[in-house]
Amino acid sequence: MRARFPQRLKRRPCVLTFTPLVTWDGKVRSCGCKFSGDELRTGVDDLLIGDLSESSLRDIVFGDAVKRLRRRFIEGDLPKVCRACTHYVPC
């Protein structure tokens, strides 16, 4: 038997969305702490915010895609991989 703790509400953007990760192929993710595995099967990565072959790192890190991702936290519409993440630290 295990004690189950209630999940914290995640209504503020996670601090890890301010630490982008550049993958080997030049894709930029807003966070590098979690991969759900769905990215490989479906080709859809909810944390992907840009591609260095199309934009500069500065434009990606301060761009609309990352702003939309952070807004999703405020609206309560978190990406699937963020919902069960145990690394969440509110800003």
N, C-alpha and C. Protein backbone atom coordinates (compact mmCIF):
# COMPACT_ATOMS: atom_id res chain seq x y z
N MET A 1 0.84 -1.16 0.00
CA MET A 1 0.00 0.00 0.00
C MET A 1 0.90 1.24 0.00
N ARG A 2 0.52 2.21 -0.80
CA ARG A 2 1.29 3.44 -0.88
C ARG A 2 0.38 4.63 -0.59
N ALA A 3 0.95 5.62 0.06
CA ALA A 3 0.22 6.86 0.29
C ALA A 3 0.22 7.65 -1.00
N ARG A 4 -0.90 8.16 -1.36
CA ARG A 4 -0.98 8.97 -2.56
C ARG A 4 -1.24 10.41 -2.17
N PHE A 5 -0.38 11.29 -2.64
CA PHE A 5 -0.50 12.69 -2.31
C PHE A 5 -1.28 13.40 -3.41
N PRO A 6 -2.12 14.36 -3.03
CA PRO A 6 -2.87 15.08 -4.07
C PRO A 6 -1.92 15.84 -4.98
N GLN A 7 -2.27 15.87 -6.26
CA GLN A 7 -1.45 16.57 -7.23
C GLN A 7 -1.63 18.08 -7.08
N ARG A 8 -0.52 18.80 -7.13
CA ARG A 8 -0.59 20.25 -7.03
C ARG A 8 -1.20 20.85 -8.29
N LEU A 9 -1.97 21.90 -8.11
CA LEU A 9 -2.47 22.63 -9.27
C LEU A 9 -1.29 23.36 -9.90
N LYS A 10 -1.23 23.33 -11.19
CA LYS A 10 -0.14 23.96 -11.92
C LYS A 10 -0.70 25.14 -12.69
N ARG A 11 -0.91 26.23 -11.99
CA ARG A 11 -1.53 27.41 -12.59
C ARG A 11 -0.54 28.50 -12.96
N ARG A 12 0.71 28.31 -12.60
CA ARG A 12 1.74 29.26 -13.01
C ARG A 12 2.73 28.53 -13.89
N PRO A 13 3.32 29.22 -14.86
CA PRO A 13 4.30 28.54 -15.73
C PRO A 13 5.43 27.92 -14.91
N CYS A 14 5.89 26.80 -15.35
CA CYS A 14 6.99 26.11 -14.68
C CYS A 14 8.29 26.85 -14.98
N VAL A 15 9.15 26.94 -13.98
CA VAL A 15 10.43 27.61 -14.14
C VAL A 15 11.29 26.90 -15.20
N LEU A 16 11.05 25.61 -15.42
CA LEU A 16 11.84 24.88 -16.40
C LEU A 16 11.50 25.26 -17.84
N THR A 17 10.38 25.98 -18.05
CA THR A 17 10.09 26.46 -19.40
C THR A 17 10.99 27.65 -19.77
N PHE A 18 11.80 28.09 -18.82
CA PHE A 18 12.77 29.16 -19.08
C PHE A 18 14.18 28.59 -19.29
N THR A 19 14.29 27.27 -19.40
CA THR A 19 15.59 26.62 -19.64
C THR A 19 15.47 25.75 -20.89
N PRO A 20 15.58 26.36 -22.06
CA PRO A 20 15.40 25.61 -23.30
C PRO A 20 16.47 24.55 -23.52
N LEU A 21 16.10 23.56 -24.30
CA LEU A 21 17.01 22.47 -24.65
C LEU A 21 17.10 22.41 -26.17
N VAL A 22 18.31 22.40 -26.69
CA VAL A 22 18.53 22.25 -28.12
C VAL A 22 18.89 20.79 -28.37
N THR A 23 18.10 20.12 -29.21
CA THR A 23 18.35 18.72 -29.51
C THR A 23 19.40 18.59 -30.60
N TRP A 24 19.83 17.38 -30.85
CA TRP A 24 20.91 17.12 -31.80
C TRP A 24 20.59 17.60 -33.22
N ASP A 25 19.30 17.68 -33.56
CA ASP A 25 18.91 18.07 -34.92
C ASP A 25 18.52 19.54 -35.04
N GLY A 26 18.77 20.33 -34.00
CA GLY A 26 18.51 21.76 -34.05
C GLY A 26 17.12 22.17 -33.59
N LYS A 27 16.34 21.23 -33.15
CA LYS A 27 15.01 21.56 -32.62
C LYS A 27 15.21 22.13 -31.21
N VAL A 28 14.35 23.06 -30.83
CA VAL A 28 14.45 23.69 -29.52
C VAL A 28 13.19 23.36 -28.73
N ARG A 29 13.38 22.76 -27.56
CA ARG A 29 12.26 22.44 -26.66
C ARG A 29 12.31 23.42 -25.50
N SER A 30 11.15 23.76 -24.98
CA SER A 30 11.11 24.72 -23.87
C SER A 30 11.63 24.11 -22.58
N CYS A 31 11.66 22.79 -22.50
CA CYS A 31 12.08 22.10 -21.29
C CYS A 31 12.72 20.78 -21.69
N GLY A 32 13.76 20.41 -21.02
CA GLY A 32 14.44 19.16 -21.36
C GLY A 32 14.25 18.07 -20.33
N CYS A 33 13.38 18.31 -19.35
CA CYS A 33 13.30 17.34 -18.26
C CYS A 33 12.43 16.14 -18.59
N LYS A 34 11.48 16.27 -19.49
CA LYS A 34 10.54 15.18 -19.74
C LYS A 34 10.31 14.93 -21.22
N PHE A 35 10.34 13.67 -21.57
CA PHE A 35 9.90 13.20 -22.87
C PHE A 35 8.89 12.10 -22.57
N SER A 36 7.71 12.19 -23.12
CA SER A 36 6.68 11.20 -22.81
C SER A 36 6.81 9.94 -23.63
N GLY A 37 7.54 9.98 -24.72
CA GLY A 37 7.62 8.84 -25.62
C GLY A 37 6.63 8.98 -26.77
N ASP A 38 5.58 9.75 -26.56
CA ASP A 38 4.59 10.00 -27.61
C ASP A 38 5.21 10.77 -28.77
N GLU A 39 6.24 11.56 -28.47
CA GLU A 39 6.88 12.37 -29.51
C GLU A 39 7.41 11.48 -30.62
N LEU A 40 7.96 10.34 -30.26
CA LEU A 40 8.53 9.44 -31.26
C LEU A 40 7.44 8.73 -32.07
N ARG A 41 6.36 8.34 -31.38
CA ARG A 41 5.28 7.62 -32.07
C ARG A 41 4.44 8.54 -32.95
N THR A 42 4.07 9.69 -32.43
CA THR A 42 3.13 10.57 -33.14
C THR A 42 3.82 11.67 -33.93
N GLY A 43 5.04 11.99 -33.57
CA GLY A 43 5.73 13.09 -34.23
C GLY A 43 5.31 14.46 -33.72
N VAL A 44 4.49 14.49 -32.67
CA VAL A 44 4.02 15.75 -32.08
C VAL A 44 4.67 15.93 -30.72
N ASP A 45 5.36 17.05 -30.55
CA ASP A 45 6.02 17.36 -29.29
C ASP A 45 5.45 18.67 -28.77
N ASP A 46 4.67 18.60 -27.70
CA ASP A 46 4.02 19.79 -27.15
C ASP A 46 5.01 20.81 -26.59
N LEU A 47 6.22 20.39 -26.31
CA LEU A 47 7.21 21.30 -25.73
C LEU A 47 8.16 21.88 -26.78
N LEU A 48 7.96 21.54 -28.04
CA LEU A 48 8.79 22.05 -29.12
C LEU A 48 8.40 23.50 -29.40
N ILE A 49 9.39 24.39 -29.36
CA ILE A 49 9.09 25.82 -29.55
C ILE A 49 9.79 26.41 -30.77
N GLY A 50 10.62 25.63 -31.45
CA GLY A 50 11.26 26.18 -32.64
C GLY A 50 12.31 25.27 -33.22
N ASP A 51 12.90 25.76 -34.31
CA ASP A 51 13.91 25.02 -35.05
C ASP A 51 15.01 26.01 -35.45
N LEU A 52 16.25 25.68 -35.11
CA LEU A 52 17.36 26.60 -35.38
C LEU A 52 17.64 26.75 -36.87
N SER A 53 17.17 25.83 -37.69
CA SER A 53 17.36 25.98 -39.13
C SER A 53 16.39 27.00 -39.73
N GLU A 54 15.40 27.41 -38.94
CA GLU A 54 14.40 28.36 -39.42
C GLU A 54 14.47 29.71 -38.71
N SER A 55 14.95 29.73 -37.47
CA SER A 55 14.98 30.96 -36.67
C SER A 55 16.21 30.99 -35.79
N SER A 56 16.53 32.17 -35.30
CA SER A 56 17.65 32.28 -34.36
C SER A 56 17.20 31.82 -32.98
N LEU A 57 18.15 31.44 -32.15
CA LEU A 57 17.83 31.01 -30.80
C LEU A 57 17.14 32.12 -30.03
N ARG A 58 17.57 33.34 -30.22
CA ARG A 58 16.96 34.48 -29.53
C ARG A 58 15.48 34.61 -29.92
N ASP A 59 15.20 34.51 -31.21
CA ASP A 59 13.82 34.63 -31.67
C ASP A 59 12.95 33.49 -31.14
N ILE A 60 13.51 32.32 -31.01
CA ILE A 60 12.76 31.17 -30.50
C ILE A 60 12.49 31.32 -29.01
N VAL A 61 13.52 31.65 -28.23
CA VAL A 61 13.39 31.72 -26.78
C VAL A 61 12.44 32.85 -26.34
N PHE A 62 12.36 33.91 -27.13
CA PHE A 62 11.46 35.02 -26.80
C PHE A 62 10.25 35.07 -27.73
N GLY A 63 9.99 33.98 -28.45
CA GLY A 63 8.94 33.98 -29.45
C GLY A 63 7.55 33.62 -28.96
N ASP A 64 6.63 33.59 -29.91
CA ASP A 64 5.22 33.35 -29.62
C ASP A 64 4.95 31.94 -29.14
N ALA A 65 5.68 30.95 -29.64
CA ALA A 65 5.41 29.55 -29.25
C ALA A 65 5.64 29.32 -27.76
N VAL A 66 6.70 29.87 -27.22
CA VAL A 66 6.97 29.69 -25.79
C VAL A 66 6.00 30.51 -24.95
N LYS A 67 5.59 31.65 -25.46
CA LYS A 67 4.59 32.45 -24.74
C LYS A 67 3.26 31.72 -24.68
N ARG A 68 2.87 31.08 -25.79
CA ARG A 68 1.63 30.29 -25.80
C ARG A 68 1.72 29.13 -24.82
N LEU A 69 2.87 28.48 -24.77
CA LEU A 69 3.06 27.36 -23.85
C LEU A 69 2.89 27.81 -22.40
N ARG A 70 3.49 28.91 -22.04
CA ARG A 70 3.38 29.41 -20.66
C ARG A 70 1.96 29.87 -20.35
N ARG A 71 1.29 30.41 -21.35
CA ARG A 71 -0.10 30.83 -21.16
C ARG A 71 -1.01 29.62 -20.90
N ARG A 72 -0.65 28.47 -21.48
CA ARG A 72 -1.44 27.26 -21.26
C ARG A 72 -1.46 26.88 -19.78
N PHE A 73 -0.39 27.12 -19.07
CA PHE A 73 -0.37 26.85 -17.63
C PHE A 73 -1.40 27.71 -16.91
N ILE A 74 -1.43 28.99 -17.24
CA ILE A 74 -2.35 29.92 -16.60
C ILE A 74 -3.80 29.54 -16.89
N GLU A 75 -4.06 29.10 -18.12
CA GLU A 75 -5.41 28.72 -18.53
C GLU A 75 -5.80 27.32 -18.05
N GLY A 76 -4.84 26.57 -17.50
CA GLY A 76 -5.14 25.22 -17.01
C GLY A 76 -5.17 24.17 -18.09
N ASP A 77 -4.61 24.48 -19.26
CA ASP A 77 -4.57 23.56 -20.39
C ASP A 77 -3.13 23.10 -20.62
N LEU A 78 -2.59 22.36 -19.65
CA LEU A 78 -1.20 21.94 -19.71
C LEU A 78 -0.97 20.89 -20.79
N PRO A 79 0.24 20.88 -21.38
CA PRO A 79 0.59 19.78 -22.28
C PRO A 79 0.53 18.46 -21.51
N LYS A 80 0.25 17.40 -22.21
CA LYS A 80 0.09 16.09 -21.58
C LYS A 80 1.31 15.70 -20.74
N VAL A 81 2.49 15.95 -21.26
CA VAL A 81 3.71 15.56 -20.56
C VAL A 81 3.90 16.36 -19.27
N CYS A 82 3.36 17.57 -19.19
CA CYS A 82 3.51 18.41 -18.00
C CYS A 82 2.52 18.04 -16.89
N ARG A 83 1.42 17.44 -17.25
CA ARG A 83 0.38 17.14 -16.26
C ARG A 83 0.88 16.24 -15.14
N ALA A 84 1.65 15.24 -15.47
CA ALA A 84 2.12 14.29 -14.46
C ALA A 84 3.58 14.51 -14.08
N CYS A 85 4.16 15.60 -14.53
CA CYS A 85 5.58 15.86 -14.26
C CYS A 85 5.81 16.15 -12.78
N THR A 86 6.80 15.52 -12.22
CA THR A 86 7.12 15.72 -10.80
C THR A 86 8.21 16.78 -10.61
N HIS A 87 8.72 17.34 -11.71
CA HIS A 87 9.76 18.36 -11.63
C HIS A 87 9.19 19.77 -11.65
N TYR A 88 7.88 19.91 -11.59
CA TYR A 88 7.23 21.22 -11.69
C TYR A 88 7.65 22.13 -10.52
N VAL A 89 8.11 23.32 -10.90
CA VAL A 89 8.44 24.37 -9.94
C VAL A 89 7.80 25.65 -10.48
N PRO A 90 6.82 26.21 -9.75
CA PRO A 90 6.15 27.40 -10.27
C PRO A 90 7.06 28.62 -10.28
N CYS A 91 6.85 29.50 -11.27
CA CYS A 91 7.62 30.75 -11.34
C CYS A 91 7.12 31.72 -10.31
